[in-house]
Amino acid sequence: MSLYNNSMNLRGGMFHNCFLKSDEAFGGEIGRYHFGGTTYDN
């Protein structure tokens, strides 16, 4: 949540939309439209 809070560390405040998501969800509304990710082991 500090990313949305003018870089103030709000203790205990966090989201979970980007936790344990598939590529499909991550690339859409649930996971906030990620794209272009690469890993060492593909």
PDB file of all heavy atoms in Angstrom:
ATOM      1  N   MET A   1       0.809  -1.217   0.000  1.00  0.00           N
ATOM      2  CA  MET A   1       0.000   0.000   0.000  1.00  0.00           C
ATOM      3  C   MET A   1       0.848   1.276   0.000  1.00  0.00           C
ATOM      4  O   MET A   1       0.353   2.350  -0.357  1.00  0.00           O
ATOM      5  CB  MET A   1      -0.939  -0.012   1.193  1.00  0.00           C
ATOM      6  CG  MET A   1      -2.192   0.816   1.003  1.00  0.00           C
ATOM      7  SD  MET A   1      -3.389   0.590   2.334  1.00  0.00           S
ATOM      8  CE  MET A   1      -4.047  -1.019   1.923  1.00  0.00           C
ATOM      9  N   SER A   2       2.121   1.193   0.393  1.00  0.00           N
ATOM     10  CA  SER A   2       2.959   2.400   0.389  1.00  0.00           C
ATOM     11  C   SER A   2       3.120   2.958  -1.021  1.00  0.00           C
ATOM     12  O   SER A   2       3.357   4.151  -1.201  1.00  0.00           O
ATOM     13  CB  SER A   2       4.337   2.114   1.004  1.00  0.00           C
ATOM     14  OG  SER A   2       5.170   1.389   0.115  1.00  0.00           O
ATOM     15  N   LEU A   3       2.977   2.114  -2.026  1.00  0.00           N
ATOM     16  CA  LEU A   3       3.086   2.558  -3.413  1.00  0.00           C
ATOM     17  C   LEU A   3       1.952   3.515  -3.765  1.00  0.00           C
ATOM     18  O   LEU A   3       2.092   4.387  -4.628  1.00  0.00           O
ATOM     19  CB  LEU A   3       3.064   1.349  -4.356  1.00  0.00           C
ATOM     20  CG  LEU A   3       3.313   1.607  -5.841  1.00  0.00           C
ATOM     21  CD1 LEU A   3       4.734   2.109  -6.071  1.00  0.00           C
ATOM     22  CD2 LEU A   3       3.076   0.338  -6.655  1.00  0.00           C
ATOM     23  N   TYR A   4       0.799   3.359  -3.091  1.00  0.00           N
ATOM     24  CA  TYR A   4      -0.374   4.182  -3.374  1.00  0.00           C
ATOM     25  C   TYR A   4      -0.579   5.259  -2.299  1.00  0.00           C
ATOM     26  O   TYR A   4      -1.586   5.956  -2.296  1.00  0.00           O
ATOM     27  CB  TYR A   4      -1.627   3.300  -3.428  1.00  0.00           C
ATOM     28  CG  TYR A   4      -1.482   2.096  -4.327  1.00  0.00           C
ATOM     29  CD1 TYR A   4      -0.931   0.914  -3.851  1.00  0.00           C
ATOM     30  CD2 TYR A   4      -1.894   2.148  -5.656  1.00  0.00           C
ATOM     31  CE1 TYR A   4      -0.783  -0.198  -4.676  1.00  0.00           C
ATOM     32  CE2 TYR A   4      -1.750   1.048  -6.491  1.00  0.00           C
ATOM     33  CZ  TYR A   4      -1.198  -0.124  -5.996  1.00  0.00           C
ATOM     34  OH  TYR A   4      -1.053  -1.212  -6.818  1.00  0.00           O
ATOM     35  N   ASN A   5       0.374   5.376  -1.392  1.00  0.00           N
ATOM     36  CA  ASN A   5       0.185   6.222  -0.227  1.00  0.00           C
ATOM     37  C   ASN A   5       1.309   7.252  -0.096  1.00  0.00           C
ATOM     38  O   ASN A   5       1.799   7.530   0.992  1.00  0.00           O
ATOM     39  CB  ASN A   5       0.122   5.356   1.039  1.00  0.00           C
ATOM     40  CG  ASN A   5      -0.380   6.113   2.244  1.00  0.00           C
ATOM     41  OD1 ASN A   5      -1.372   6.833   2.158  1.00  0.00           O
ATOM     42  ND2 ASN A   5       0.294   5.962   3.364  1.00  0.00           N
ATOM     43  N   ASN A   6       1.725   7.783  -1.261  1.00  0.00           N
ATOM     44  CA  ASN A   6       2.789   8.803  -1.287  1.00  0.00           C
ATOM     45  C   ASN A   6       4.053   8.336  -0.574  1.00  0.00           C
ATOM     46  O   ASN A   6       4.718   9.088   0.140  1.00  0.00           O
ATOM     47  CB  ASN A   6       2.291  10.106  -0.668  1.00  0.00           C
ATOM     48  CG  ASN A   6       1.142  10.710  -1.440  1.00  0.00           C
ATOM     49  OD1 ASN A   6       1.143  10.703  -2.666  1.00  0.00           O
ATOM     50  ND2 ASN A   6       0.140  11.196  -0.730  1.00  0.00           N
ATOM     51  N   SER A   7       4.357   7.048  -0.742  1.00  0.00           N
ATOM     52  CA  SER A   7       5.563   6.443  -0.177  1.00  0.00           C
ATOM     53  C   SER A   7       5.627   6.547   1.348  1.00  0.00           C
ATOM     54  O   SER A   7       6.709   6.568   1.925  1.00  0.00           O
ATOM     55  CB  SER A   7       6.827   7.047  -0.816  1.00  0.00           C
ATOM     56  OG  SER A   7       6.879   6.715  -2.194  1.00  0.00           O
ATOM     57  N   MET A   8       4.472   6.564   2.000  1.00  0.00           N
ATOM     58  CA  MET A   8       4.406   6.447   3.451  1.00  0.00           C
ATOM     59  C   MET A   8       4.151   4.992   3.787  1.00  0.00           C
ATOM     60  O   MET A   8       3.272   4.364   3.196  1.00  0.00           O
ATOM     61  CB  MET A   8       3.278   7.311   4.014  1.00  0.00           C
ATOM     62  CG  MET A   8       3.490   8.795   3.853  1.00  0.00           C
ATOM     63  SD  MET A   8       4.821   9.440   4.887  1.00  0.00           S
ATOM     64  CE  MET A   8       4.117   9.213   6.505  1.00  0.00           C
ATOM     65  N   ASN A   9       4.926   4.459   4.704  1.00  0.00           N
ATOM     66  CA  ASN A   9       4.778   3.056   5.054  1.00  0.00           C
ATOM     67  C   ASN A   9       3.622   2.891   6.036  1.00  0.00           C
ATOM     68  O   ASN A   9       3.756   3.136   7.223  1.00  0.00           O
ATOM     69  CB  ASN A   9       6.065   2.499   5.682  1.00  0.00           C
ATOM     70  CG  ASN A   9       5.933   1.021   5.999  1.00  0.00           C
ATOM     71  OD1 ASN A   9       5.084   0.331   5.435  1.00  0.00           O
ATOM     72  ND2 ASN A   9       6.756   0.524   6.893  1.00  0.00           N
ATOM     73  N   LEU A  10       2.477   2.496   5.514  1.00  0.00           N
ATOM     74  CA  LEU A  10       1.309   2.271   6.346  1.00  0.00           C
ATOM     75  C   LEU A  10       1.402   0.858   6.911  1.00  0.00           C
ATOM     76  O   LEU A  10       1.188  -0.122   6.202  1.00  0.00           O
ATOM     77  CB  LEU A  10       0.043   2.441   5.522  1.00  0.00           C
ATOM     78  CG  LEU A  10      -1.283   2.334   6.267  1.00  0.00           C
ATOM     79  CD1 LEU A  10      -1.364   3.412   7.343  1.00  0.00           C
ATOM     80  CD2 LEU A  10      -2.451   2.494   5.299  1.00  0.00           C
ATOM     81  N   ARG A  11       1.736   0.743   8.192  1.00  0.00           N
ATOM     82  CA  ARG A  11       1.974  -0.551   8.805  1.00  0.00           C
ATOM     83  C   ARG A  11       0.721  -1.417   8.751  1.00  0.00           C
ATOM     84  O   ARG A  11      -0.375  -1.010   9.124  1.00  0.00           O
ATOM     85  CB  ARG A  11       2.410  -0.376  10.265  1.00  0.00           C
ATOM     86  CG  ARG A  11       3.744   0.328  10.468  1.00  0.00           C
ATOM     87  CD  ARG A  11       4.904  -0.407   9.830  1.00  0.00           C
ATOM     88  NE  ARG A  11       5.039  -1.761  10.313  1.00  0.00           N
ATOM     89  CZ  ARG A  11       5.746  -2.135  11.383  1.00  0.00           C
ATOM     90  NH1 ARG A  11       6.380  -1.222  12.107  1.00  0.00           N
ATOM     91  NH2 ARG A  11       5.852  -3.402  11.725  1.00  0.00           N
ATOM     92  N   GLY A  12       0.908  -2.633   8.269  1.00  0.00           N
ATOM     93  CA  GLY A  12      -0.188  -3.593   8.201  1.00  0.00           C
ATOM     94  C   GLY A  12      -1.095  -3.445   7.009  1.00  0.00           C
ATOM     95  O   GLY A  12      -2.024  -4.235   6.831  1.00  0.00           O
ATOM     96  N   GLY A  13      -0.874  -2.428   6.152  1.00  0.00           N
ATOM     97  CA  GLY A  13      -1.729  -2.201   5.001  1.00  0.00           C
ATOM     98  C   GLY A  13      -1.138  -2.801   3.739  1.00  0.00           C
ATOM     99  O   GLY A  13      -0.021  -2.466   3.348  1.00  0.00           O
ATOM    100  N   MET A  14      -1.890  -3.682   3.105  1.00  0.00           N
ATOM    101  CA  MET A  14      -1.395  -4.343   1.885  1.00  0.00           C
ATOM    102  C   MET A  14      -2.554  -4.961   1.121  1.00  0.00           C
ATOM    103  O   MET A  14      -3.622  -5.218   1.681  1.00  0.00           O
ATOM    104  CB  MET A  14      -0.381  -5.429   2.231  1.00  0.00           C
ATOM    105  CG  MET A  14      -0.964  -6.548   3.051  1.00  0.00           C
ATOM    106  SD  MET A  14       0.251  -7.353   4.088  1.00  0.00           S
ATOM    107  CE  MET A  14       0.799  -6.017   5.136  1.00  0.00           C
ATOM    108  N   PHE A  15      -2.340  -5.185  -0.165  1.00  0.00           N
ATOM    109  CA  PHE A  15      -3.303  -5.880  -1.002  1.00  0.00           C
ATOM    110  C   PHE A  15      -2.828  -7.317  -1.229  1.00  0.00           C
ATOM    111  O   PHE A  15      -1.706  -7.676  -0.862  1.00  0.00           O
ATOM    112  CB  PHE A  15      -3.471  -5.155  -2.341  1.00  0.00           C
ATOM    113  CG  PHE A  15      -3.893  -3.724  -2.206  1.00  0.00           C
ATOM    114  CD1 PHE A  15      -3.014  -2.687  -2.523  1.00  0.00           C
ATOM    115  CD2 PHE A  15      -5.159  -3.401  -1.759  1.00  0.00           C
ATOM    116  CE1 PHE A  15      -3.399  -1.361  -2.396  1.00  0.00           C
ATOM    117  CE2 PHE A  15      -5.554  -2.072  -1.625  1.00  0.00           C
ATOM    118  CZ  PHE A  15      -4.672  -1.057  -1.945  1.00  0.00           C
ATOM    119  N   HIS A  16      -3.694  -8.116  -1.878  1.00  0.00           N
ATOM    120  CA  HIS A  16      -3.340  -9.505  -2.191  1.00  0.00           C
ATOM    121  C   HIS A  16      -3.775  -9.900  -3.600  1.00  0.00           C
ATOM    122  O   HIS A  16      -3.825 -11.083  -3.923  1.00  0.00           O
ATOM    123  CB  HIS A  16      -3.977 -10.450  -1.160  1.00  0.00           C
ATOM    124  CG  HIS A  16      -3.482 -10.231   0.241  1.00  0.00           C
ATOM    125  ND1 HIS A  16      -4.044  -9.296   1.079  1.00  0.00           N
ATOM    126  CD2 HIS A  16      -2.460 -10.801   0.930  1.00  0.00           C
ATOM    127  CE1 HIS A  16      -3.410  -9.311   2.241  1.00  0.00           C
ATOM    128  NE2 HIS A  16      -2.440 -10.200   2.182  1.00  0.00           N
ATOM    129  N   ASN A  17      -4.080  -8.897  -4.437  1.00  0.00           N
ATOM    130  CA  ASN A  17      -4.493  -9.179  -5.812  1.00  0.00           C
ATOM    131  C   ASN A  17      -3.378  -9.787  -6.646  1.00  0.00           C
ATOM    132  O   ASN A  17      -3.640 -10.473  -7.639  1.00  0.00           O
ATOM    133  CB  ASN A  17      -4.965  -7.898  -6.493  1.00  0.00           C
ATOM    134  CG  ASN A  17      -6.234  -7.364  -5.891  1.00  0.00           C
ATOM    135  OD1 ASN A  17      -6.195  -6.774  -4.818  1.00  0.00           O
ATOM    136  ND2 ASN A  17      -7.358  -7.566  -6.553  1.00  0.00           N
ATOM    137  N   CYS A  18      -2.139  -9.509  -6.266  1.00  0.00           N
ATOM    138  CA  CYS A  18      -0.999  -9.975  -7.055  1.00  0.00           C
ATOM    139  C   CYS A  18      -0.286 -11.137  -6.373  1.00  0.00           C
ATOM    140  O   CYS A  18       0.912 -11.348  -6.571  1.00  0.00           O
ATOM    141  CB  CYS A  18      -0.021  -8.826  -7.301  1.00  0.00           C
ATOM    142  SG  CYS A  18      -0.719  -7.463  -8.246  1.00  0.00           S
ATOM    143  N   PHE A  19      -1.014 -11.904  -5.573  1.00  0.00           N
ATOM    144  CA  PHE A  19      -0.423 -13.026  -4.850  1.00  0.00           C
ATOM    145  C   PHE A  19      -0.917 -14.346  -5.408  1.00  0.00           C
ATOM    146  O   PHE A  19      -2.120 -14.617  -5.432  1.00  0.00           O
ATOM    147  CB  PHE A  19      -0.746 -12.924  -3.359  1.00  0.00           C
ATOM    148  CG  PHE A  19      -0.157 -14.047  -2.539  1.00  0.00           C
ATOM    149  CD1 PHE A  19       1.215 -14.170  -2.382  1.00  0.00           C
ATOM    150  CD2 PHE A  19      -0.977 -14.987  -1.950  1.00  0.00           C
ATOM    151  CE1 PHE A  19       1.760 -15.211  -1.634  1.00  0.00           C
ATOM    152  CE2 PHE A  19      -0.450 -16.028  -1.197  1.00  0.00           C
ATOM    153  CZ  PHE A  19       0.923 -16.137  -1.042  1.00  0.00           C
ATOM    154  N   LEU A  20       0.012 -15.172  -5.913  1.00  0.00           N
ATOM    155  CA  LEU A  20      -0.251 -16.508  -6.464  1.00  0.00           C
ATOM    156  C   LEU A  20      -1.264 -16.466  -7.601  1.00  0.00           C
ATOM    157  O   LEU A  20      -2.304 -17.128  -7.566  1.00  0.00           O
ATOM    158  CB  LEU A  20      -0.721 -17.473  -5.369  1.00  0.00           C
ATOM    159  CG  LEU A  20       0.268 -17.768  -4.238  1.00  0.00           C
ATOM    160  CD1 LEU A  20      -0.281 -18.856  -3.321  1.00  0.00           C
ATOM    161  CD2 LEU A  20       1.638 -18.156  -4.755  1.00  0.00           C
ATOM    162  N   LYS A  21      -0.948 -15.719  -8.626  1.00  0.00           N
ATOM    163  CA  LYS A  21      -1.851 -15.558  -9.757  1.00  0.00           C
ATOM    164  C   LYS A  21      -1.284 -16.211 -11.017  1.00  0.00           C
ATOM    165  O   LYS A  21      -0.074 -16.272 -11.226  1.00  0.00           O
ATOM    166  CB  LYS A  21      -2.112 -14.069 -10.018  1.00  0.00           C
ATOM    167  CG  LYS A  21      -2.851 -13.370  -8.876  1.00  0.00           C
ATOM    168  CD  LYS A  21      -4.236 -13.963  -8.668  1.00  0.00           C
ATOM    169  CE  LYS A  21      -5.015 -13.278  -7.562  1.00  0.00           C
ATOM    170  NZ  LYS A  21      -4.631 -13.742  -6.219  1.00  0.00           N
ATOM    171  N   SER A  22      -2.199 -16.673 -11.861  1.00  0.00           N
ATOM    172  CA  SER A  22      -1.816 -17.242 -13.151  1.00  0.00           C
ATOM    173  C   SER A  22      -1.395 -16.117 -14.096  1.00  0.00           C
ATOM    174  O   SER A  22      -1.655 -14.941 -13.845  1.00  0.00           O
ATOM    175  CB  SER A  22      -2.993 -18.010 -13.756  1.00  0.00           C
ATOM    176  OG  SER A  22      -4.029 -17.107 -14.129  1.00  0.00           O
ATOM    177  N   ASP A  23      -0.764 -16.507 -15.203  1.00  0.00           N
ATOM    178  CA  ASP A  23      -0.395 -15.511 -16.221  1.00  0.00           C
ATOM    179  C   ASP A  23      -1.636 -14.800 -16.750  1.00  0.00           C
ATOM    180  O   ASP A  23      -1.620 -13.596 -17.017  1.00  0.00           O
ATOM    181  CB  ASP A  23       0.347 -16.183 -17.374  1.00  0.00           C
ATOM    182  CG  ASP A  23       1.801 -16.501 -17.038  1.00  0.00           C
ATOM    183  OD1 ASP A  23       2.362 -15.814 -16.167  1.00  0.00           O
ATOM    184  OD2 ASP A  23       2.351 -17.439 -17.633  1.00  0.00           O
ATOM    185  N   GLU A  24      -2.724 -15.557 -16.896  1.00  0.00           N
ATOM    186  CA  GLU A  24      -3.963 -14.973 -17.423  1.00  0.00           C
ATOM    187  C   GLU A  24      -4.491 -13.887 -16.489  1.00  0.00           C
ATOM    188  O   GLU A  24      -4.834 -12.781 -16.925  1.00  0.00           O
ATOM    189  CB  GLU A  24      -5.012 -16.059 -17.607  1.00  0.00           C
ATOM    190  CG  GLU A  24      -6.344 -15.546 -18.155  1.00  0.00           C
ATOM    191  CD  GLU A  24      -7.380 -16.647 -18.299  1.00  0.00           C
ATOM    192  OE1 GLU A  24      -7.077 -17.804 -17.955  1.00  0.00           O
ATOM    193  OE2 GLU A  24      -8.506 -16.342 -18.753  1.00  0.00           O
ATOM    194  N   ALA A  25      -4.558 -14.197 -15.196  1.00  0.00           N
ATOM    195  CA  ALA A  25      -5.059 -13.212 -14.231  1.00  0.00           C
ATOM    196  C   ALA A  25      -4.092 -12.044 -14.091  1.00  0.00           C
ATOM    197  O   ALA A  25      -4.514 -10.890 -13.954  1.00  0.00           O
ATOM    198  CB  ALA A  25      -5.283 -13.872 -12.878  1.00  0.00           C
ATOM    199  N   PHE A  26      -2.796 -12.350 -14.153  1.00  0.00           N
ATOM    200  CA  PHE A  26      -1.784 -11.308 -13.983  1.00  0.00           C
ATOM    201  C   PHE A  26      -1.800 -10.313 -15.132  1.00  0.00           C
ATOM    202  O   PHE A  26      -1.464  -9.148 -14.949  1.00  0.00           O
ATOM    203  CB  PHE A  26      -0.404 -11.957 -13.873  1.00  0.00           C
ATOM    204  CG  PHE A  26       0.406 -11.460 -12.716  1.00  0.00           C
ATOM    205  CD1 PHE A  26      -0.145 -11.378 -11.459  1.00  0.00           C
ATOM    206  CD2 PHE A  26       1.725 -11.089 -12.877  1.00  0.00           C
ATOM    207  CE1 PHE A  26       0.599 -10.929 -10.377  1.00  0.00           C
ATOM    208  CE2 PHE A  26       2.486 -10.646 -11.796  1.00  0.00           C
ATOM    209  CZ  PHE A  26       1.907 -10.562 -10.554  1.00  0.00           C
ATOM    210  N   GLY A  27      -2.173 -10.789 -16.309  1.00  0.00           N
ATOM    211  CA  GLY A  27      -2.207  -9.915 -17.472  1.00  0.00           C
ATOM    212  C   GLY A  27      -3.513  -9.164 -17.614  1.00  0.00           C
ATOM    213  O   GLY A  27      -3.671  -8.374 -18.550  1.00  0.00           O
ATOM    214  N   GLY A  28      -4.457  -9.397 -16.678  1.00  0.00           N
ATOM    215  CA  GLY A  28      -5.758  -8.753 -16.751  1.00  0.00           C
ATOM    216  C   GLY A  28      -6.044  -7.893 -15.536  1.00  0.00           C
ATOM    217  O   GLY A  28      -5.140  -7.493 -14.799  1.00  0.00           O
ATOM    218  N   GLU A  29      -7.320  -7.638 -15.318  1.00  0.00           N
ATOM    219  CA  GLU A  29      -7.727  -6.707 -14.274  1.00  0.00           C
ATOM    220  C   GLU A  29      -7.349  -7.179 -12.880  1.00  0.00           C
ATOM    221  O   GLU A  29      -6.937  -6.372 -12.034  1.00  0.00           O
ATOM    222  CB  GLU A  29      -9.237  -6.488 -14.350  1.00  0.00           C
ATOM    223  CG  GLU A  29      -9.763  -5.472 -13.349  1.00  0.00           C
ATOM    224  CD  GLU A  29     -11.249  -5.228 -13.505  1.00  0.00           C
ATOM    225  OE1 GLU A  29     -11.843  -5.788 -14.453  1.00  0.00           O
ATOM    226  OE2 GLU A  29     -11.811  -4.496 -12.685  1.00  0.00           O
ATOM    227  N   ILE A  30      -7.472  -8.494 -12.615  1.00  0.00           N
ATOM    228  CA  ILE A  30      -7.189  -8.999 -11.269  1.00  0.00           C
ATOM    229  C   ILE A  30      -5.759  -8.690 -10.871  1.00  0.00           C
ATOM    230  O   ILE A  30      -5.487  -8.192  -9.774  1.00  0.00           O
ATOM    231  CB  ILE A  30      -7.448 -10.514 -11.197  1.00  0.00           C
ATOM    232  CG1 ILE A  30      -8.928 -10.824 -11.374  1.00  0.00           C
ATOM    233  CG2 ILE A  30      -6.951 -11.083  -9.856  1.00  0.00           C
ATOM    234  CD1 ILE A  30      -9.250 -12.304 -11.418  1.00  0.00           C
ATOM    235  N   GLY A  31      -4.814  -9.003 -11.760  1.00  0.00           N
ATOM    236  CA  GLY A  31      -3.399  -8.846 -11.457  1.00  0.00           C
ATOM    237  C   GLY A  31      -2.780  -7.557 -11.933  1.00  0.00           C
ATOM    238  O   GLY A  31      -1.553  -7.419 -11.955  1.00  0.00           O
ATOM    239  N   ARG A  32      -3.608  -6.610 -12.359  1.00  0.00           N
ATOM    240  CA  ARG A  32      -3.141  -5.252 -12.687  1.00  0.00           C
ATOM    241  C   ARG A  32      -2.313  -5.170 -13.966  1.00  0.00           C
ATOM    242  O   ARG A  32      -1.370  -4.394 -14.074  1.00  0.00           O
ATOM    243  CB  ARG A  32      -2.338  -4.640 -11.534  1.00  0.00           C
ATOM    244  CG  ARG A  32      -2.974  -4.761 -10.161  1.00  0.00           C
ATOM    245  CD  ARG A  32      -4.310  -4.086 -10.086  1.00  0.00           C
ATOM    246  NE  ARG A  32      -4.809  -4.052  -8.710  1.00  0.00           N
ATOM    247  CZ  ARG A  32      -6.077  -4.241  -8.367  1.00  0.00           C
ATOM    248  NH1 ARG A  32      -6.984  -4.512  -9.290  1.00  0.00           N
ATOM    249  NH2 ARG A  32      -6.458  -4.170  -7.103  1.00  0.00           N
ATOM    250  N   TYR A  33      -2.640  -6.014 -14.972  1.00  0.00           N
ATOM    251  CA  TYR A  33      -2.137  -5.846 -16.333  1.00  0.00           C
ATOM    252  C   TYR A  33      -0.609  -5.938 -16.453  1.00  0.00           C
ATOM    253  O   TYR A  33       0.036  -5.059 -17.027  1.00  0.00           O
ATOM    254  CB  TYR A  33      -2.646  -4.525 -16.919  1.00  0.00           C
ATOM    255  CG  TYR A  33      -4.156  -4.458 -16.962  1.00  0.00           C
ATOM    256  CD1 TYR A  33      -4.860  -3.808 -15.955  1.00  0.00           C
ATOM    257  CD2 TYR A  33      -4.870  -5.081 -17.987  1.00  0.00           C
ATOM    258  CE1 TYR A  33      -6.253  -3.760 -15.972  1.00  0.00           C
ATOM    259  CE2 TYR A  33      -6.258  -5.042 -18.007  1.00  0.00           C
ATOM    260  CZ  TYR A  33      -6.947  -4.385 -17.003  1.00  0.00           C
ATOM    261  OH  TYR A  33      -8.313  -4.348 -17.021  1.00  0.00           O
ATOM    262  N   HIS A  34      -0.032  -6.997 -15.939  1.00  0.00           N
ATOM    263  CA  HIS A  34       1.390  -7.258 -16.149  1.00  0.00           C
ATOM    264  C   HIS A  34       1.610  -7.827 -17.552  1.00  0.00           C
ATOM    265  O   HIS A  34       0.760  -8.537 -18.099  1.00  0.00           O
ATOM    266  CB  HIS A  34       1.900  -8.273 -15.128  1.00  0.00           C
ATOM    267  CG  HIS A  34       1.964  -7.757 -13.718  1.00  0.00           C
ATOM    268  ND1 HIS A  34       0.848  -7.555 -12.944  1.00  0.00           N
ATOM    269  CD2 HIS A  34       3.033  -7.413 -12.943  1.00  0.00           C
ATOM    270  CE1 HIS A  34       1.216  -7.113 -11.752  1.00  0.00           C
ATOM    271  NE2 HIS A  34       2.533  -7.012 -11.721  1.00  0.00           N
ATOM    272  N   PHE A  35       2.779  -7.592 -18.089  1.00  0.00           N
ATOM    273  CA  PHE A  35       3.120  -8.166 -19.397  1.00  0.00           C
ATOM    274  C   PHE A  35       4.634  -8.170 -19.581  1.00  0.00           C
ATOM    275  O   PHE A  35       5.364  -7.444 -18.903  1.00  0.00           O
ATOM    276  CB  PHE A  35       2.451  -7.394 -20.546  1.00  0.00           C
ATOM    277  CG  PHE A  35       2.818  -5.926 -20.612  1.00  0.00           C
ATOM    278  CD1 PHE A  35       3.883  -5.488 -21.390  1.00  0.00           C
ATOM    279  CD2 PHE A  35       2.091  -4.986 -19.891  1.00  0.00           C
ATOM    280  CE1 PHE A  35       4.222  -4.141 -21.449  1.00  0.00           C
ATOM    281  CE2 PHE A  35       2.421  -3.630 -19.948  1.00  0.00           C
ATOM    282  CZ  PHE A  35       3.489  -3.209 -20.727  1.00  0.00           C
ATOM    283  N   GLY A  36       5.092  -9.029 -20.492  1.00  0.00           N
ATOM    284  CA  GLY A  36       6.506  -9.050 -20.886  1.00  0.00           C
ATOM    285  C   GLY A  36       7.449  -9.680 -19.893  1.00  0.00           C
ATOM    286  O   GLY A  36       8.662  -9.507 -19.994  1.00  0.00           O
ATOM    287  N   GLY A  37       6.946 -10.443 -18.935  1.00  0.00           N
ATOM    288  CA  GLY A  37       7.811 -11.033 -17.917  1.00  0.00           C
ATOM    289  C   GLY A  37       8.600 -12.236 -18.418  1.00  0.00           C
ATOM    290  O   GLY A  37       8.073 -13.068 -19.151  1.00  0.00           O
ATOM    291  N   THR A  38       9.869 -12.305 -18.042  1.00  0.00           N
ATOM    292  CA  THR A  38      10.703 -13.461 -18.373  1.00  0.00           C
ATOM    293  C   THR A  38      11.413 -13.947 -17.114  1.00  0.00           C
ATOM    294  O   THR A  38      11.716 -13.167 -16.211  1.00  0.00           O
ATOM    295  CB  THR A  38      11.769 -13.111 -19.439  1.00  0.00           C
ATOM    296  OG1 THR A  38      12.581 -12.032 -18.960  1.00  0.00           O
ATOM    297  CG2 THR A  38      11.116 -12.704 -20.749  1.00  0.00           C
ATOM    298  N   THR A  39      11.671 -15.252 -17.063  1.00  0.00           N
ATOM    299  CA  THR A  39      12.382 -15.854 -15.937  1.00  0.00           C
ATOM    300  C   THR A  39      13.566 -16.651 -16.466  1.00  0.00           C
ATOM    301  O   THR A  39      13.665 -16.936 -17.661  1.00  0.00           O
ATOM    302  CB  THR A  39      11.473 -16.806 -15.139  1.00  0.00           C
ATOM    303  OG1 THR A  39      11.115 -17.922 -15.968  1.00  0.00           O
ATOM    304  CG2 THR A  39      10.207 -16.104 -14.672  1.00  0.00           C
ATOM    305  N   TYR A  40      14.459 -17.029 -15.563  1.00  0.00           N
ATOM    306  CA  TYR A  40      15.612 -17.822 -15.951  1.00  0.00           C
ATOM    307  C   TYR A  40      15.190 -19.140 -16.583  1.00  0.00           C
ATOM    308  O   TYR A  40      15.766 -19.601 -17.556  1.00  0.00           O
ATOM    309  CB  TYR A  40      16.490 -18.105 -14.735  1.00  0.00           C
ATOM    310  CG  TYR A  40      17.338 -16.934 -14.296  1.00  0.00           C
ATOM    311  CD1 TYR A  40      17.362 -16.556 -12.956  1.00  0.00           C
ATOM    312  CD2 TYR A  40      18.098 -16.211 -15.195  1.00  0.00           C
ATOM    313  CE1 TYR A  40      18.140 -15.484 -12.530  1.00  0.00           C
ATOM    314  CE2 TYR A  40      18.868 -15.144 -14.785  1.00  0.00           C
ATOM    315  CZ  TYR A  40      18.893 -14.782 -13.449  1.00  0.00           C
ATOM    316  OH  TYR A  40      19.647 -13.724 -13.034  1.00  0.00           O
ATOM    317  N   ASP A  41      14.192 -19.788 -15.997  1.00  0.00           N
ATOM    318  CA  ASP A  41      13.803 -21.127 -16.436  1.00  0.00           C
ATOM    319  C   ASP A  41      12.539 -21.136 -17.274  1.00  0.00           C
ATOM    320  O   ASP A  41      11.898 -22.175 -17.429  1.00  0.00           O
ATOM    321  CB  ASP A  41      13.613 -22.039 -15.206  1.00  0.00           C
ATOM    322  CG  ASP A  41      14.918 -22.269 -14.465  1.00  0.00           C
ATOM    323  OD1 ASP A  41      15.969 -22.360 -15.135  1.00  0.00           O
ATOM    324  OD2 ASP A  41      14.902 -22.347 -13.220  1.00  0.00           O
ATOM    325  N   ASN A  42      12.158 -19.963 -17.804  1.00  0.00           N
ATOM    326  CA  ASN A  42      10.970 -19.856 -18.648  1.00  0.00           C
ATOM    327  C   ASN A  42       9.740 -20.471 -17.979  1.00  0.00           C
ATOM    328  O   ASN A  42       9.017 -21.284 -18.564  1.00  0.00           O
ATOM    329  CB  ASN A  42      11.223 -20.530 -20.007  1.00  0.00           C
ATOM    330  CG  ASN A  42      12.340 -19.864 -20.781  1.00  0.00           C
ATOM    331  OD1 ASN A  42      12.407 -18.644 -20.849  1.00  0.00           O
ATOM    332  ND2 ASN A  42      13.236 -20.666 -21.345  1.00  0.00           N
TER     333      ASN A  42
END
